[in-house]
Structure formats: structure tokens, C-alpha cells
PDB file of N, CA and C in Angstrom:
ATOM      1  N   MET A   1       0.814  -1.187   0.000  1.00  0.00           N
ATOM      2  CA  MET A   1       0.000   0.000   0.000  1.00  0.00           C
ATOM      3  C   MET A   1       0.863   1.257   0.000  1.00  0.00           C
ATOM      4  N   THR A   2       2.023   1.239   0.586  1.00  0.00           N
ATOM      5  CA  THR A   2       2.901   2.387   0.650  1.00  0.00           C
ATOM      6  C   THR A   2       3.388   2.773  -0.739  1.00  0.00           C
ATOM      7  N   LYS A   3       3.661   1.777  -1.594  1.00  0.00           N
ATOM      8  CA  LYS A   3       4.087   2.076  -2.966  1.00  0.00           C
ATOM      9  C   LYS A   3       2.960   2.767  -3.733  1.00  0.00           C
ATOM     10  N   PHE A   4       1.714   2.356  -3.482  1.00  0.00           N
ATOM     11  CA  PHE A   4       0.567   2.972  -4.157  1.00  0.00           C
ATOM     12  C   PHE A   4       0.439   4.434  -3.755  1.00  0.00           C
ATOM     13  N   ARG A   5       0.574   4.727  -2.469  1.00  0.00           N
ATOM     14  CA  ARG A   5       0.496   6.113  -1.995  1.00  0.00           C
ATOM     15  C   ARG A   5       1.615   6.963  -2.591  1.00  0.00           C
ATOM     16  N   ALA A   6       2.799   6.406  -2.628  1.00  0.00           N
ATOM     17  CA  ALA A   6       3.937   7.131  -3.185  1.00  0.00           C
ATOM     18  C   ALA A   6       3.694   7.431  -4.669  1.00  0.00           C
ATOM     19  N   LEU A   7       3.154   6.464  -5.396  1.00  0.00           N
ATOM     20  CA  LEU A   7       2.853   6.656  -6.813  1.00  0.00           C
ATOM     21  C   LEU A   7       1.759   7.718  -6.984  1.00  0.00           C
ATOM     22  N   ALA A   8       0.715   7.646  -6.150  1.00  0.00           N
ATOM     23  CA  ALA A   8      -0.380   8.615  -6.228  1.00  0.00           C
ATOM     24  C   ALA A   8       0.132  10.023  -5.930  1.00  0.00           C
ATOM     25  N   LEU A   9       0.975  10.186  -4.926  1.00  0.00           N
ATOM     26  CA  LEU A   9       1.536  11.492  -4.596  1.00  0.00           C
ATOM     27  C   LEU A   9       2.420  12.015  -5.729  1.00  0.00           C
ATOM     28  N   ALA A  10       3.166  11.129  -6.359  1.00  0.00           N
ATOM     29  CA  ALA A  10       4.022  11.532  -7.474  1.00  0.00           C
ATOM     30  C   ALA A  10       3.187  12.016  -8.655  1.00  0.00           C
ATOM     31  N   VAL A  11       2.082  11.334  -8.937  1.00  0.00           N
ATOM     32  CA  VAL A  11       1.189  11.740 -10.029  1.00  0.00           C
ATOM     33  C   VAL A  11       0.569  13.088  -9.715  1.00  0.00           C
ATOM     34  N   LEU A  12       0.063  13.267  -8.493  1.00  0.00           N
ATOM     35  CA  LEU A  12      -0.538  14.541  -8.095  1.00  0.00           C
ATOM     36  C   LEU A  12       0.471  15.677  -8.162  1.00  0.00           C
ATOM     37  N   ALA A  13       1.694  15.436  -7.742  1.00  0.00           N
ATOM     38  CA  ALA A  13       2.737  16.463  -7.802  1.00  0.00           C
ATOM     39  C   ALA A  13       3.036  16.838  -9.247  1.00  0.00           C
ATOM     40  N   GLY A  14       3.028  15.858 -10.145  1.00  0.00           N
ATOM     41  CA  GLY A  14       3.255  16.120 -11.571  1.00  0.00           C
ATOM     42  C   GLY A  14       2.135  16.951 -12.181  1.00  0.00           C
ATOM     43  N   VAL A  15       0.906  16.641 -11.809  1.00  0.00           N
ATOM     44  CA  VAL A  15      -0.243  17.406 -12.315  1.00  0.00           C
ATOM     45  C   VAL A  15      -0.178  18.837 -11.809  1.00  0.00           C
ATOM     46  N   ALA A  16       0.140  19.024 -10.532  1.00  0.00           N
ATOM     47  CA  ALA A  16       0.236  20.364  -9.958  1.00  0.00           C
ATOM     48  C   ALA A  16       1.343  21.161 -10.636  1.00  0.00           C
ATOM     49  N   ALA A  17       2.468  20.529 -10.906  1.00  0.00           N
ATOM     50  CA  ALA A  17       3.583  21.212 -11.562  1.00  0.00           C
ATOM     51  C   ALA A  17       3.222  21.599 -12.988  1.00  0.00           C
ATOM     52  N   ALA A  18       2.478  20.747 -13.667  1.00  0.00           N
ATOM     53  CA  ALA A  18       2.068  21.055 -15.043  1.00  0.00           C
ATOM     54  C   ALA A  18       1.155  22.266 -15.069  1.00  0.00           C
ATOM     55  N   GLY A  19       0.238  22.376 -14.107  1.00  0.00           N
ATOM     56  CA  GLY A  19      -0.657  23.533 -14.034  1.00  0.00           C
ATOM     57  C   GLY A  19       0.085  24.807 -13.699  1.00  0.00           C
ATOM     58  N   ALA A  20       1.141  24.716 -12.917  1.00  0.00           N
ATOM     59  CA  ALA A  20       1.896  25.905 -12.515  1.00  0.00           C
ATOM     60  C   ALA A  20       2.633  26.525 -13.698  1.00  0.00           C
ATOM     61  N   GLY A  21       2.899  25.745 -14.722  1.00  0.00           N
ATOM     62  CA  GLY A  21       3.618  26.258 -15.876  1.00  0.00           C
ATOM     63  C   GLY A  21       2.706  26.673 -17.013  1.00  0.00           C
ATOM     64  N   ALA A  22       1.449  26.904 -16.729  1.00  0.00           N
ATOM     65  CA  ALA A  22       0.487  27.253 -17.770  1.00  0.00           C
ATOM     66  C   ALA A  22       0.799  28.621 -18.365  1.00  0.00           C
ATOM     67  N   ASP A  23       0.403  28.800 -19.620  1.00  0.00           N
ATOM     68  CA  ASP A  23       0.596  30.081 -20.293  1.00  0.00           C
ATOM     69  C   ASP A  23      -0.396  31.108 -19.768  1.00  0.00           C
ATOM     70  N   THR A  24      -0.007  32.368 -19.855  1.00  0.00           N
ATOM     71  CA  THR A  24      -0.884  33.465 -19.481  1.00  0.00           C
ATOM     72  C   THR A  24      -1.235  34.239 -20.735  1.00  0.00           C
ATOM     73  N   LEU A  25      -2.513  34.457 -20.937  1.00  0.00           N
ATOM     74  CA  LEU A  25      -2.983  35.202 -22.094  1.00  0.00           C
ATOM     75  C   LEU A  25      -3.154  36.655 -21.688  1.00  0.00           C
ATOM     76  N   GLN A  26      -2.428  37.548 -22.346  1.00  0.00           N
ATOM     77  CA  GLN A  26      -2.524  38.971 -22.060  1.00  0.00           C
ATOM     78  C   GLN A  26      -3.616  39.572 -22.924  1.00  0.00           C
ATOM     79  N   MET A  27      -4.598  40.189 -22.291  1.00  0.00           N
ATOM     80  CA  MET A  27      -5.698  40.805 -23.018  1.00  0.00           C
ATOM     81  C   MET A  27      -5.536  42.314 -22.968  1.00  0.00           C
ATOM     82  N   GLY A  28      -5.374  42.903 -24.107  1.00  0.00           N
ATOM     83  CA  GLY A  28      -5.296  44.355 -24.188  1.00  0.00           C
ATOM     84  C   GLY A  28      -6.675  44.886 -24.515  1.00  0.00           C
ATOM     85  N   GLY A  29      -6.715  45.947 -25.224  1.00  0.00           N
ATOM     86  CA  GLY A  29      -7.992  46.463 -25.660  1.00  0.00           C
ATOM     87  C   GLY A  29      -8.115  47.945 -25.427  1.00  0.00           C
ATOM     88  N   SER A  30      -7.611  48.409 -24.290  1.00  0.00           N
ATOM     89  CA  SER A  30      -7.767  49.831 -24.021  1.00  0.00           C
ATOM     90  C   SER A  30      -6.970  50.655 -25.024  1.00  0.00           C
ATOM     91  N   GLU A  31      -5.813  50.165 -25.446  1.00  0.00           N
ATOM     92  CA  GLU A  31      -5.027  50.885 -26.442  1.00  0.00           C
ATOM     93  C   GLU A  31      -5.771  50.899 -27.779  1.00  0.00           C
ATOM     94  N   PHE A  32      -6.401  49.772 -28.113  1.00  0.00           N
ATOM     95  CA  PHE A  32      -7.138  49.669 -29.370  1.00  0.00           C
ATOM     96  C   PHE A  32      -8.352  50.584 -29.353  1.00  0.00           C
ATOM     97  N   ALA A  33      -9.103  50.565 -28.262  1.00  0.00           N
ATOM     98  CA  ALA A  33     -10.300  51.399 -28.157  1.00  0.00           C
ATOM     99  C   ALA A  33      -9.945  52.871 -28.171  1.00  0.00           C
ATOM    100  N   SER A  34      -8.823  53.239 -27.543  1.00  0.00           N
ATOM    101  CA  SER A  34      -8.472  54.652 -27.439  1.00  0.00           C
ATOM    102  C   SER A  34      -8.120  55.259 -28.793  1.00  0.00           C
ATOM    103  N   GLN A  35      -7.714  54.454 -29.767  1.00  0.00           N
ATOM    104  CA  GLN A  35      -7.387  55.025 -31.071  1.00  0.00           C
ATOM    105  C   GLN A  35      -8.630  55.517 -31.810  1.00  0.00           C
ATOM    106  N   PHE A  36      -9.818  55.082 -31.383  1.00  0.00           N
ATOM    107  CA  PHE A  36     -11.051  55.526 -32.025  1.00  0.00           C
ATOM    108  C   PHE A  36     -11.664  56.739 -31.323  1.00  0.00           C
ATOM    109  N   GLU A  37     -11.185  57.043 -30.120  1.00  0.00           N
ATOM    110  CA  GLU A  37     -11.700  58.202 -29.420  1.00  0.00           C
ATOM    111  C   GLU A  37     -11.078  59.449 -30.025  1.00  0.00           C
ATOM    112  N   GLN A  38     -11.910  60.431 -30.265  1.00  0.00           N
ATOM    113  CA  GLN A  38     -11.437  61.656 -30.901  1.00  0.00           C
ATOM    114  C   GLN A  38     -11.557  62.812 -29.926  1.00  0.00           C
ATOM    115  N   PRO A  39     -10.621  63.741 -29.992  1.00  0.00           N
ATOM    116  CA  PRO A  39     -10.694  64.897 -29.115  1.00  0.00           C
ATOM    117  C   PRO A  39     -11.980  65.686 -29.373  1.00  0.00           C
ATOM    118  N   GLY A  40     -12.505  66.277 -28.339  1.00  0.00           N
ATOM    119  CA  GLY A  40     -13.706  67.079 -28.499  1.00  0.00           C
ATOM    120  C   GLY A  40     -14.997  66.288 -28.434  1.00  0.00           C
ATOM    121  N   LYS A  41     -14.896  65.002 -28.132  1.00  0.00           N
ATOM    122  CA  LYS A  41     -16.088  64.157 -27.976  1.00  0.00           C
ATOM    123  C   LYS A  41     -15.976  63.390 -26.666  1.00  0.00           C
ATOM    124  N   PRO A  42     -17.110  62.985 -26.112  1.00  0.00           N
ATOM    125  CA  PRO A  42     -17.068  62.195 -24.869  1.00  0.00           C
ATOM    126  C   PRO A  42     -16.307  60.888 -25.061  1.00  0.00           C
ATOM    127  N   LYS A  43     -15.669  60.466 -23.996  1.00  0.00           N
ATOM    128  CA  LYS A  43     -14.910  59.212 -24.020  1.00  0.00           C
ATOM    129  C   LYS A  43     -15.771  58.074 -23.474  1.00  0.00           C
ATOM    130  N   ARG A  44     -15.487  56.886 -23.959  1.00  0.00           N
ATOM    131  CA  ARG A  44     -16.185  55.680 -23.523  1.00  0.00           C
ATOM    132  C   ARG A  44     -16.098  55.554 -22.004  1.00  0.00           C
ATOM    133  N   GLY A  45     -17.248  55.255 -21.378  1.00  0.00           N
ATOM    134  CA  GLY A  45     -17.288  55.058 -19.939  1.00  0.00           C
ATOM    135  C   GLY A  45     -17.722  56.278 -19.149  1.00  0.00           C
ATOM    136  N   MET A  46     -17.737  57.455 -19.789  1.00  0.00           N
ATOM    137  CA  MET A  46     -18.188  58.656 -19.073  1.00  0.00           C
ATOM    138  C   MET A  46     -19.663  58.508 -18.706  1.00  0.00           C
ATOM    139  N   THR A  47     -20.053  59.121 -17.599  1.00  0.00           N
ATOM    140  CA  THR A  47     -21.458  59.102 -17.211  1.00  0.00           C
ATOM    141  C   THR A  47     -22.208  60.215 -17.946  1.00  0.00           C
ATOM    142  N   GLN A  48     -23.526  60.114 -17.974  1.00  0.00           N
ATOM    143  CA  GLN A  48     -24.342  61.155 -18.596  1.00  0.00           C
ATOM    144  C   GLN A  48     -24.118  62.490 -17.888  1.00  0.00           C
ATOM    145  N   ALA A  49     -24.000  62.459 -16.567  1.00  0.00           N
ATOM    146  CA  ALA A  49     -23.769  63.695 -15.814  1.00  0.00           C
ATOM    147  C   ALA A  49     -22.446  64.339 -16.213  1.00  0.00           C
ATOM    148  N   ASN A  50     -21.393  63.525 -16.408  1.00  0.00           N
ATOM    149  CA  ASN A  50     -20.097  64.061 -16.829  1.00  0.00           C
ATOM    150  C   ASN A  50     -20.167  64.642 -18.234  1.00  0.00           C
ATOM    151  N   VAL A  51     -20.885  63.968 -19.127  1.00  0.00           N
ATOM    152  CA  VAL A  51     -21.023  64.453 -20.509  1.00  0.00           C
ATOM    153  C   VAL A  51     -21.729  65.799 -20.504  1.00  0.00           C
ATOM    154  N   GLU A  52     -22.814  65.894 -19.759  1.00  0.00           N
ATOM    155  CA  GLU A  52     -23.558  67.156 -19.729  1.00  0.00           C
ATOM    156  C   GLU A  52     -22.737  68.266 -19.073  1.00  0.00           C
ATOM    157  N   ALA A  53     -21.980  67.944 -18.047  1.00  0.00           N
ATOM    158  CA  ALA A  53     -21.138  68.948 -17.390  1.00  0.00           C
ATOM    159  C   ALA A  53     -20.041  69.456 -18.324  1.00  0.00           C
ATOM    160  N   GLN A  54     -19.476  68.563 -19.134  1.00  0.00           N
ATOM    161  CA  GLN A  54     -18.357  68.941 -20.016  1.00  0.00           C
ATOM    162  C   GLN A  54     -18.813  69.528 -21.340  1.00  0.00           C
ATOM    163  N   PHE A  55     -19.905  69.023 -21.910  1.00  0.00           N
ATOM    164  CA  PHE A  55     -20.314  69.426 -23.259  1.00  0.00           C
ATOM    165  C   PHE A  55     -21.612  70.224 -23.294  1.00  0.00           C
ATOM    166  N   GLY A  56     -22.250  70.389 -22.145  1.00  0.00           N
ATOM    167  CA  GLY A  56     -23.511  71.116 -22.085  1.00  0.00           C
ATOM    168  C   GLY A  56     -24.688  70.206 -22.403  1.00  0.00           C
ATOM    169  N   ALA A  57     -25.865  70.823 -22.391  1.00  0.00           N
ATOM    170  CA  ALA A  57     -27.086  70.063 -22.675  1.00  0.00           C
ATOM    171  C   ALA A  57     -27.126  69.690 -24.154  1.00  0.00           C
ATOM    172  N   PRO A  58     -27.589  68.490 -24.481  1.00  0.00           N
ATOM    173  CA  PRO A  58     -27.683  68.093 -25.889  1.00  0.00           C
ATOM    174  C   PRO A  58     -28.835  68.815 -26.578  1.00  0.00           C
ATOM    175  N   GLN A  59     -28.774  68.853 -27.916  1.00  0.00           N
ATOM    176  CA  GLN A  59     -29.872  69.443 -28.689  1.00  0.00           C
ATOM    177  C   GLN A  59     -31.126  68.599 -28.569  1.00  0.00           C
ATOM    178  N   SER A  60     -30.954  67.277 -28.505  1.00  0.00           N
ATOM    179  CA  SER A  60     -32.090  66.380 -28.315  1.00  0.00           C
ATOM    180  C   SER A  60     -31.626  65.119 -27.599  1.00  0.00           C
ATOM    181  N   ARG A  61     -32.588  64.474 -26.937  1.00  0.00           N
ATOM    182  CA  ARG A  61     -32.334  63.219 -26.229  1.00  0.00           C
ATOM    183  C   ARG A  61     -33.352  62.202 -26.701  1.00  0.00           C
ATOM    184  N   ARG A  62     -32.882  61.025 -27.049  1.00  0.00           N
ATOM    185  CA  ARG A  62     -33.779  59.932 -27.432  1.00  0.00           C
ATOM    186  C   ARG A  62     -33.932  59.001 -26.244  1.00  0.00           C
ATOM    187  N   ALA A  63     -35.138  58.584 -25.987  1.00  0.00           N
ATOM    188  CA  ALA A  63     -35.427  57.704 -24.855  1.00  0.00           C
ATOM    189  C   ALA A  63     -34.731  56.355 -25.024  1.00  0.00           C
ATOM    190  N   PRO A  64     -34.413  55.696 -23.911  1.00  0.00           N
ATOM    191  CA  PRO A  64     -33.779  54.375 -23.988  1.00  0.00           C
ATOM    192  C   PRO A  64     -34.662  53.350 -24.690  1.00  0.00           C
ATOM    193  N   VAL A  65     -34.007  52.475 -25.452  1.00  0.00           N
ATOM    194  CA  VAL A  65     -34.694  51.418 -26.190  1.00  0.00           C
ATOM    195  C   VAL A  65     -33.952  50.109 -25.949  1.00  0.00           C
ATOM    196  N   GLY A  66     -34.697  49.019 -25.767  1.00  0.00           N
ATOM    197  CA  GLY A  66     -34.098  47.684 -25.701  1.00  0.00           C
ATOM    198  C   GLY A  66     -33.629  47.285 -24.318  1.00  0.00           C
ATOM    199  N   ASP A  67     -32.968  46.142 -24.291  1.00  0.00           N
ATOM    200  CA  ASP A  67     -32.420  45.584 -23.070  1.00  0.00           C
ATOM    201  C   ASP A  67     -31.040  45.031 -23.368  1.00  0.00           C
ATOM    202  N   PRO A  68     -29.950  45.628 -22.951  1.00  0.00           N
ATOM    203  CA  PRO A  68     -29.889  46.756 -22.042  1.00  0.00           C
ATOM    204  C   PRO A  68     -30.376  48.042 -22.725  1.00  0.00           C
ATOM    205  N   PRO A  69     -30.831  49.003 -21.925  1.00  0.00           N
ATOM    206  CA  PRO A  69     -31.367  50.228 -22.512  1.00  0.00           C
ATOM    207  C   PRO A  69     -30.280  51.075 -23.165  1.00  0.00           C
ATOM    208  N   ILE A  70     -30.485  51.380 -24.447  1.00  0.00           N
ATOM    209  CA  ILE A  70     -29.556  52.217 -25.205  1.00  0.00           C
ATOM    210  C   ILE A  70     -30.275  53.524 -25.522  1.00  0.00           C
ATOM    211  N   SER A  71     -29.661  54.628 -25.136  1.00  0.00           N
ATOM    212  CA  SER A  71     -30.226  55.941 -25.446  1.00  0.00           C
ATOM    213  C   SER A  71     -29.192  56.736 -26.222  1.00  0.00           C
ATOM    214  N   ARG A  72     -29.627  57.876 -26.775  1.00  0.00           N
ATOM    215  CA  ARG A  72     -28.663  58.701 -27.489  1.00  0.00           C
ATOM    216  C   ARG A  72     -28.977  60.170 -27.286  1.00  0.00           C
ATOM    217  N   TRP A  73     -27.916  60.925 -27.251  1.00  0.00           N
ATOM    218  CA  TRP A  73     -27.998  62.369 -27.155  1.00  0.00           C
ATOM    219  C   TRP A  73     -27.376  62.940 -28.413  1.00  0.00           C
ATOM    220  N   GLU A  74     -28.047  63.921 -29.003  1.00  0.00           N
ATOM    221  CA  GLU A  74     -27.528  64.548 -30.216  1.00  0.00           C
ATOM    222  C   GLU A  74     -27.016  65.945 -29.915  1.00  0.00           C
ATOM    223  N   TYR A  75     -25.794  66.193 -30.327  1.00  0.00           N
ATOM    224  CA  TYR A  75     -25.159  67.503 -30.245  1.00  0.00           C
ATOM    225  C   TYR A  75     -24.992  68.025 -31.674  1.00  0.00           C
ATOM    226  N   ALA A  76     -24.519  69.246 -31.823  1.00  0.00           N
ATOM    227  CA  ALA A  76     -24.373  69.851 -33.148  1.00  0.00           C
ATOM    228  C   ALA A  76     -23.446  69.044 -34.056  1.00  0.00           C
ATOM    229  N   ASN A  77     -22.314  68.561 -33.519  1.00  0.00           N
ATOM    230  CA  ASN A  77     -21.305  67.902 -34.352  1.00  0.00           C
ATOM    231  C   ASN A  77     -21.139  66.404 -34.096  1.00  0.00           C
ATOM    232  N   PHE A  78     -21.803  65.875 -33.093  1.00  0.00           N
ATOM    233  CA  PHE A  78     -21.650  64.453 -32.783  1.00  0.00           C
ATOM    234  C   PHE A  78     -22.884  63.926 -32.073  1.00  0.00           C
ATOM    235  N   VAL A  79     -22.973  62.596 -32.020  1.00  0.00           N
ATOM    236  CA  VAL A  79     -24.048  61.890 -31.327  1.00  0.00           C
ATOM    237  C   VAL A  79     -23.393  60.963 -30.311  1.00  0.00           C
ATOM    238  N   VAL A  80     -23.954  60.921 -29.113  1.00  0.00           N
ATOM    239  CA  VAL A  80     -23.416  60.077 -28.046  1.00  0.00           C
ATOM    240  C   VAL A  80     -24.427  58.980 -27.736  1.00  0.00           C
ATOM    241  N   PHE A  81     -23.955  57.742 -27.721  1.00  0.00           N
ATOM    242  CA  PHE A  81     -24.796  56.591 -27.394  1.00  0.00           C
ATOM    243  C   PHE A  81     -24.435  56.108 -25.992  1.00  0.00           C
ATOM    244  N   PHE A  82     -25.464  55.858 -25.188  1.00  0.00           N
ATOM    245  CA  PHE A  82     -25.289  55.411 -23.811  1.00  0.00           C
ATOM    246  C   PHE A  82     -25.917  54.036 -23.615  1.00  0.00           C
ATOM    247  N   GLU A  83     -25.267  53.216 -22.794  1.00  0.00           N
ATOM    248  CA  GLU A  83     -25.884  51.995 -22.268  1.00  0.00           C
ATOM    249  C   GLU A  83     -26.091  52.272 -20.796  1.00  0.00           C
ATOM    250  N   HIS A  84     -27.325  52.246 -20.361  1.00  0.00           N
ATOM    251  CA  HIS A  84     -27.708  52.727 -19.034  1.00  0.00           C
ATOM    252  C   HIS A  84     -27.286  54.197 -18.973  1.00  0.00           C
ATOM    253  N   ASP A  85     -26.340  54.568 -18.129  1.00  0.00           N
ATOM    254  CA  ASP A  85     -25.923  55.967 -18.062  1.00  0.00           C
ATOM    255  C   ASP A  85     -24.467  56.164 -18.469  1.00  0.00           C
ATOM    256  N   ARG A  86     -23.887  55.193 -19.182  1.00  0.00           N
ATOM    257  CA  ARG A  86     -22.472  55.250 -19.569  1.00  0.00           C
ATOM    258  C   ARG A  86     -22.312  55.339 -21.077  1.00  0.00           C
ATOM    259  N   VAL A  87     -21.345  56.159 -21.509  1.00  0.00           N
ATOM    260  CA  VAL A  87     -21.038  56.315 -22.933  1.00  0.00           C
ATOM    261  C   VAL A  87     -20.493  54.998 -23.477  1.00  0.00           C
ATOM    262  N   ILE A  88     -21.064  54.545 -24.599  1.00  0.00           N
ATOM    263  CA  ILE A  88     -20.495  53.391 -25.294  1.00  0.00           C
ATOM    264  C   ILE A  88     -19.905  53.814 -26.640  1.00  0.00           C
ATOM    265  N   HIS A  89     -20.429  54.899 -27.255  1.00  0.00           N
ATOM    266  CA  HIS A  89     -19.883  55.420 -28.512  1.00  0.00           C
ATOM    267  C   HIS A  89     -20.194  56.907 -28.615  1.00  0.00           C
ATOM    268  N   ALA A  90     -19.318  57.618 -29.282  1.00  0.00           N
ATOM    269  CA  ALA A  90     -19.569  59.008 -29.648  1.00  0.00           C
ATOM    270  C   ALA A  90     -19.101  59.134 -31.103  1.00  0.00           C
ATOM    271  N   VAL A  91     -20.008  59.461 -31.992  1.00  0.00           N
ATOM    272  CA  VAL A  91     -19.683  59.509 -33.423  1.00  0.00           C
ATOM    273  C   VAL A  91     -19.944  60.884 -33.998  1.00  0.00           C
ATOM    274  N   SER A  92     -19.114  61.271 -34.962  1.00  0.00           N
ATOM    275  CA  SER A  92     -19.258  62.557 -35.623  1.00  0.00           C
ATOM    276  C   SER A  92     -20.417  62.545 -36.601  1.00  0.00           C
ATOM    277  N   LYS A  93     -21.043  63.696 -36.738  1.00  0.00           N
ATOM    278  CA  LYS A  93     -22.050  63.868 -37.785  1.00  0.00           C
ATOM    279  C   LYS A  93     -21.304  64.372 -39.016  1.00  0.00           C
ATOM    280  N   ARG A  94     -21.703  63.926 -40.171  1.00  0.00           N
ATOM    281  CA  ARG A  94     -21.057  64.391 -41.410  1.00  0.00           C
ATOM    282  C   ARG A  94     -22.091  64.850 -42.365  1.00  0.00           C
TER     283      ARG A  94
END
């Protein structure tokens, strides 16, 4: 029975060592997302209160639609899309 325990412990130690050497996947994204943000427009993640404080009241506000609720505020040169109360996109009008 002692040989069986020794073998079982050796197998478990090997499995633990194999897991300790696992690869780590680095997830970026903030650098990629930031290249689409343009100066003079709200940034992703801003609250509605922050947008209004920085850019003033919008020309129009569209009520939330769907689940999760998506709303939009229209300014003279851009439109801001919100999920709940956070900016998800700000796009230029052309």
C-alpha cells in the first residue's frame, strides 16, 4: 500500500507542476479602443452627468430602447450613445 500512496503522490505532484507552468494570455484592448476616441467628444465610460457637465445640454435626447437600454444624445457635431448611463460610442455627424 505504501508504494501505491507514493505513486499517487508523485502523479498529483506532476499534475500540480504542469498547471503551474500554464501560459498566461494577455488581453489588451484599451489601447485599441483609445485610437477611435477623438478629441472634443465624450470618451467611452463617461457618465451622462459628466457628458452634460463637459459638453452642455444636448440638442435632443432619445429615450432608452431595448435591453440593455440604449439611449442617445444629439449635439451639433456628434451623437453620443449610452448603455444605461455610460457612454459606449460618440460619433461625428457628417
